């Protein structure tokens, strides 16, 4: 049976020459150069890889190991990509997309992706908002203390909801204003949970990460315990390595 190849990512040639690392199924990670591009791969032992935590982390570990060895400019490939032959890769990817791949490498050269995810506690924020806004507090108290018609109940509910949304956007805007000037590009993604209010990836110069991290810490300190901020400063640039 002919070998099949599990692909991890693409580098500008020559890319990593030798990585003392095992990938999925403990297979040795290898490289294959096609034209101006070098592919990181291992032999695929399964027809299809389930997106389990173990497999996803194994995929990420390979890319991060290459970055740690100094091969920072890479295009990470989506999890689970298996090919039958290098001829297939040449015909389906390299030949039709060579120019696009080169442009992406130019864009990513000297840059790293970092991510910022922010969570809040809605009930706590609601109570803080009520303590600060006497008018809204009075409207909420009407819901508890008087017999209101359906239209009044809906109206008050909408007022409170709009005020909470404005409060959330005010917090998000502080992150945008502080962090966007430090980045070459920003991509805001949809929140992953009901309590997440901000989920963004930033493309920043490698050497400016310390400054970016300090900016995140400064915002965090202004909010105290109100927010939970998850900052990831070392990840493959999935958000900024998309072919059109």
Protein backbone atom coordinates (compact mmCIF):
# COMPACT_ATOMS: atom_id res chain seq x y z
CA UNK A 1 0.00 0.00 0.00
CA UNK A 2 1.44 3.39 -1.02
CA UNK A 3 2.26 5.93 1.65
CA UNK A 4 -0.16 8.73 2.37
CA UNK A 5 1.02 12.00 3.87
CA UNK A 6 -0.37 14.06 6.71
CA UNK A 7 0.45 17.74 6.14
CA UNK A 8 1.11 20.25 8.93
CA UNK A 9 2.26 23.44 7.26
CA UNK A 10 4.21 25.18 4.51
CA UNK A 11 7.44 27.17 4.76
CA UNK A 12 9.45 29.19 2.28
CA UNK A 13 12.18 26.91 0.93
CA UNK A 14 14.45 25.58 2.28
CA UNK A 15 12.45 25.67 5.53
CA UNK A 16 13.25 23.30 8.40
CA UNK A 17 15.89 20.81 7.34
CA UNK A 18 15.58 18.41 10.25
CA UNK A 19 13.18 18.40 13.18
CA UNK A 20 13.86 15.80 15.90
CA UNK A 21 10.15 15.39 16.47
CA UNK A 22 7.36 12.88 16.12
CA UNK A 23 3.96 13.94 14.84
CA UNK A 24 0.59 12.18 14.82
CA UNK A 25 0.73 8.43 15.53
CA UNK A 26 4.33 9.03 16.70
CA UNK A 27 5.45 9.23 13.08
CA UNK A 28 8.70 11.04 12.32
CA UNK A 29 8.16 14.57 11.01
CA UNK A 30 9.78 15.12 7.63
CA UNK A 31 10.03 17.79 4.93
CA UNK A 32 9.30 17.80 1.21
CA UNK A 33 10.33 20.68 -1.04
CA UNK A 34 8.16 21.56 -4.02
CA UNK A 35 9.50 24.54 -5.94
CA UNK A 36 9.85 27.49 -3.58
CA UNK A 37 7.90 25.83 -0.79
CA UNK A 38 8.72 23.23 1.85
CA UNK A 39 5.97 21.06 3.33
CA UNK A 40 6.11 19.62 6.82
CA UNK A 41 4.57 16.16 6.97
CA UNK A 42 4.53 12.71 8.50
CA UNK A 43 3.28 9.37 7.22
CA UNK A 44 -0.49 9.07 7.72
CA UNK A 45 -1.42 5.86 9.53
CA UNK A 46 -5.16 6.51 9.44
CA UNK A 47 -7.59 7.27 6.66
CA UNK A 48 -9.08 10.07 8.71
CA UNK A 49 -7.98 11.76 11.91
CA UNK A 50 -10.61 12.63 14.48
CA UNK A 51 -10.36 16.14 15.88
CA UNK A 52 -9.65 14.94 19.40
CA UNK A 53 -7.76 17.07 21.88
CA UNK A 54 -4.74 14.77 21.58
CA UNK A 55 -4.64 15.00 17.79
CA UNK A 56 -5.21 18.77 17.69
CA UNK A 57 -2.43 19.35 20.22
CA UNK A 58 -0.17 16.99 18.26
CA UNK A 59 -0.74 19.03 15.11
CA UNK A 60 -0.02 22.29 16.95
CA UNK A 61 3.07 20.85 18.65
CA UNK A 62 4.74 20.17 15.32
CA UNK A 63 4.22 23.73 14.07
CA UNK A 64 5.30 25.29 17.35
CA UNK A 65 8.46 23.17 17.41
CA UNK A 66 9.41 24.48 13.98
CA UNK A 67 8.77 28.06 15.11
CA UNK A 68 10.84 27.54 18.25
CA UNK A 69 13.76 26.46 16.06
CA UNK A 70 13.64 29.77 14.24
CA UNK A 71 11.39 28.92 11.28
CA UNK A 72 8.89 31.61 12.11
CA UNK A 73 7.40 32.29 8.69
CA UNK A 74 4.93 29.52 8.01
CA UNK A 75 1.47 28.85 6.67
CA UNK A 76 -0.29 26.38 8.98
CA UNK A 77 -2.54 23.94 7.20
CA UNK A 78 -5.93 22.91 8.52
CA UNK A 79 -6.06 19.90 10.81
CA UNK A 80 -6.68 16.55 9.14
CA UNK A 81 -5.24 17.26 5.68
CA UNK A 82 -4.02 14.01 4.07
CA UNK A 83 -2.72 13.69 0.50
CA UNK A 84 -2.09 10.66 -1.67
CA UNK A 85 0.99 11.95 -3.50
CA UNK A 86 3.27 14.95 -3.91
CA UNK A 87 2.10 15.19 -7.50
CA UNK A 88 -1.37 15.88 -6.13
CA UNK A 89 -0.01 18.69 -3.92
CA UNK A 90 1.91 20.15 -6.85
CA UNK A 91 -1.12 20.15 -9.14
CA UNK A 92 -3.80 21.18 -6.63
CA UNK A 93 -1.91 23.71 -4.52
CA UNK A 94 1.56 24.74 -5.60
CA UNK A 95 0.99 25.41 -9.30
CA UNK A 96 -2.37 27.24 -9.11
CA UNK A 97 -1.57 29.15 -5.89
CA UNK A 98 2.19 29.81 -6.05
CA UNK A 99 1.78 33.57 -6.31
CA UNK A 100 -0.80 33.74 -3.52
CA UNK A 101 1.41 31.64 -1.24
CA UNK A 102 4.40 33.90 -1.91
CA UNK A 103 2.31 36.99 -1.09
CA UNK A 104 1.17 35.42 2.17
CA UNK A 105 4.77 34.64 3.12
CA UNK A 106 5.73 38.25 2.42
CA UNK A 107 2.87 39.44 4.61
CA UNK A 108 3.84 37.16 7.49
CA UNK A 109 7.59 37.66 7.29
CA UNK A 110 8.88 38.98 10.60
CA UNK A 111 5.46 38.80 12.26
CA UNK A 112 3.72 36.61 14.79
CA UNK A 113 0.09 36.02 15.65
CA UNK A 114 -1.13 36.65 19.17
CA UNK A 115 -4.66 36.35 20.47
CA UNK A 116 -6.73 38.09 23.13
CA UNK A 117 -9.91 36.57 24.55
CA UNK A 118 -11.91 38.49 27.15
CA UNK A 119 -14.68 37.18 29.40
CA UNK A 120 -16.90 39.00 31.88
CA UNK A 121 -19.52 38.02 34.44
CA UNK A 122 -22.85 39.39 33.08
CA UNK A 123 -24.71 39.32 36.40
CA UNK A 124 -21.91 41.20 38.17
CA UNK A 125 -21.74 43.80 35.40
CA UNK A 126 -25.51 44.19 35.50
CA UNK A 127 -25.45 44.94 39.22
CA UNK A 128 -22.59 47.40 38.77
CA UNK A 129 -24.48 49.12 35.98
CA UNK A 130 -27.61 49.41 38.10
CA UNK A 131 -25.64 50.87 40.99
CA UNK A 132 -24.21 53.51 38.64
CA UNK A 133 -27.43 54.40 36.76
CA UNK A 134 -30.34 55.59 38.89
CA UNK A 135 -32.79 55.77 35.96
CA UNK A 136 -32.18 52.19 34.89
CA UNK A 137 -32.36 51.04 38.49
CA UNK A 138 -35.74 52.72 38.89
CA UNK A 139 -37.02 51.04 35.72
CA UNK A 140 -35.84 47.64 36.92
CA UNK A 141 -37.50 48.20 40.28
CA UNK A 142 -40.78 48.77 38.46
CA UNK A 143 -40.55 45.24 37.13
CA UNK A 144 -40.40 43.92 40.67
CA UNK A 145 -42.72 46.27 42.51
CA UNK A 146 -45.63 47.13 40.23
CA UNK A 147 -48.08 45.51 37.86
CA UNK A 148 -46.94 46.54 34.39
CA UNK A 149 -48.40 45.89 30.98
CA UNK A 150 -46.56 43.67 28.50
CA UNK A 151 -45.40 46.64 26.41
CA UNK A 152 -43.87 48.33 29.46
CA UNK A 153 -42.10 45.13 30.48
CA UNK A 154 -40.68 44.71 26.97
CA UNK A 155 -39.60 48.34 26.82
CA UNK A 156 -37.76 48.21 30.13
CA UNK A 157 -36.14 44.93 29.17
CA UNK A 158 -34.92 46.43 25.92
CA UNK A 159 -33.53 49.47 27.74
CA UNK A 160 -31.54 47.30 30.12
CA UNK A 161 -30.31 45.07 27.30
CA UNK A 162 -29.20 48.07 25.24
CA UNK A 163 -27.37 49.55 28.22
CA UNK A 164 -25.55 46.24 28.83
CA UNK A 165 -24.54 46.06 25.18
CA UNK A 166 -23.21 49.61 25.32
CA UNK A 167 -21.28 48.74 28.47
CA UNK A 168 -19.76 45.70 26.75
CA UNK A 169 -18.81 47.69 23.67
CA UNK A 170 -17.20 50.32 25.86
CA UNK A 171 -14.93 47.67 27.36
CA UNK A 172 -14.13 46.19 23.95
CA UNK A 173 -13.27 49.63 22.60
CA UNK A 174 -10.62 50.05 25.28
CA UNK A 175 -8.89 46.93 23.99
CA UNK A 176 -9.15 48.10 20.41
CA UNK A 177 -7.75 51.55 21.12
CA UNK A 178 -4.83 50.23 23.15
CA UNK A 179 -3.85 47.24 21.01
CA UNK A 180 -4.69 48.03 17.39
CA UNK A 181 -1.95 50.70 16.99
CA UNK A 182 0.62 48.05 17.97
CA UNK A 183 -0.47 45.58 15.26
CA UNK A 184 0.01 45.29 11.53
CA UNK A 185 -3.40 43.64 11.21
CA UNK A 186 -6.33 42.63 13.40
CA UNK A 187 -9.02 40.01 12.92
CA UNK A 188 -11.97 39.94 15.30
CA UNK A 189 -13.70 36.57 15.59
CA UNK A 190 -17.07 35.66 17.02
CA UNK A 191 -17.11 35.04 20.80
CA UNK A 192 -16.88 31.35 21.66
CA UNK A 193 -19.10 31.41 24.75
CA UNK A 194 -21.95 33.47 26.19
CA UNK A 195 -19.63 35.17 28.68
CA UNK A 196 -16.91 36.00 26.13
CA UNK A 197 -17.14 39.60 24.93
CA UNK A 198 -13.99 39.91 22.82
CA UNK A 199 -12.08 37.41 20.69
CA UNK A 200 -9.39 38.87 18.47
CA UNK A 201 -6.18 37.87 16.73
CA UNK A 202 -3.41 40.40 16.16
CA UNK A 203 -0.53 40.21 13.69
CA UNK A 204 2.42 41.96 15.30
CA UNK A 205 6.18 42.25 14.67
CA UNK A 206 8.07 39.51 16.50
CA UNK A 207 10.23 41.97 18.40
CA UNK A 208 7.26 43.99 19.73
CA UNK A 209 5.58 41.19 21.66
CA UNK A 210 6.84 42.43 25.02
CA UNK A 211 5.32 45.86 24.36
CA UNK A 212 2.05 44.24 23.29
CA UNK A 213 1.98 42.05 26.39
CA UNK A 214 2.53 45.08 28.61
CA UNK A 215 -0.40 46.83 26.92
CA UNK A 216 -2.64 43.83 27.65
CA UNK A 217 -1.50 43.83 31.29
CA UNK A 218 -2.18 47.56 31.56
CA UNK A 219 -5.78 47.11 30.40
CA UNK A 220 -6.19 44.15 32.73
CA UNK A 221 -5.03 46.21 35.70
CA UNK A 222 -7.63 48.92 35.02
CA UNK A 223 -10.47 46.40 35.33
CA UNK A 224 -9.16 44.42 38.29
CA UNK A 225 -11.21 41.27 38.84
CA UNK A 226 -14.03 42.29 36.49
CA UNK A 227 -12.53 40.57 33.44
CA UNK A 228 -10.81 37.29 32.68
CA UNK A 229 -8.27 37.81 29.93
CA UNK A 230 -6.59 34.97 28.07
CA UNK A 231 -3.56 36.12 26.12
CA UNK A 232 -1.73 33.67 23.83
CA UNK A 233 1.57 35.02 22.57
CA UNK A 234 2.83 31.97 20.69
CA UNK A 235 0.69 30.32 18.05
CA UNK A 236 0.82 29.49 14.37
CA UNK A 237 -0.76 32.31 12.30
CA UNK A 238 -3.99 30.57 11.33
CA UNK A 239 -6.02 33.77 11.20
CA UNK A 240 -3.67 35.56 8.81
CA UNK A 241 -2.67 32.71 6.51
CA UNK A 242 -5.86 32.28 4.53
CA UNK A 243 -5.79 31.83 0.76
CA UNK A 244 -8.46 33.87 -1.01
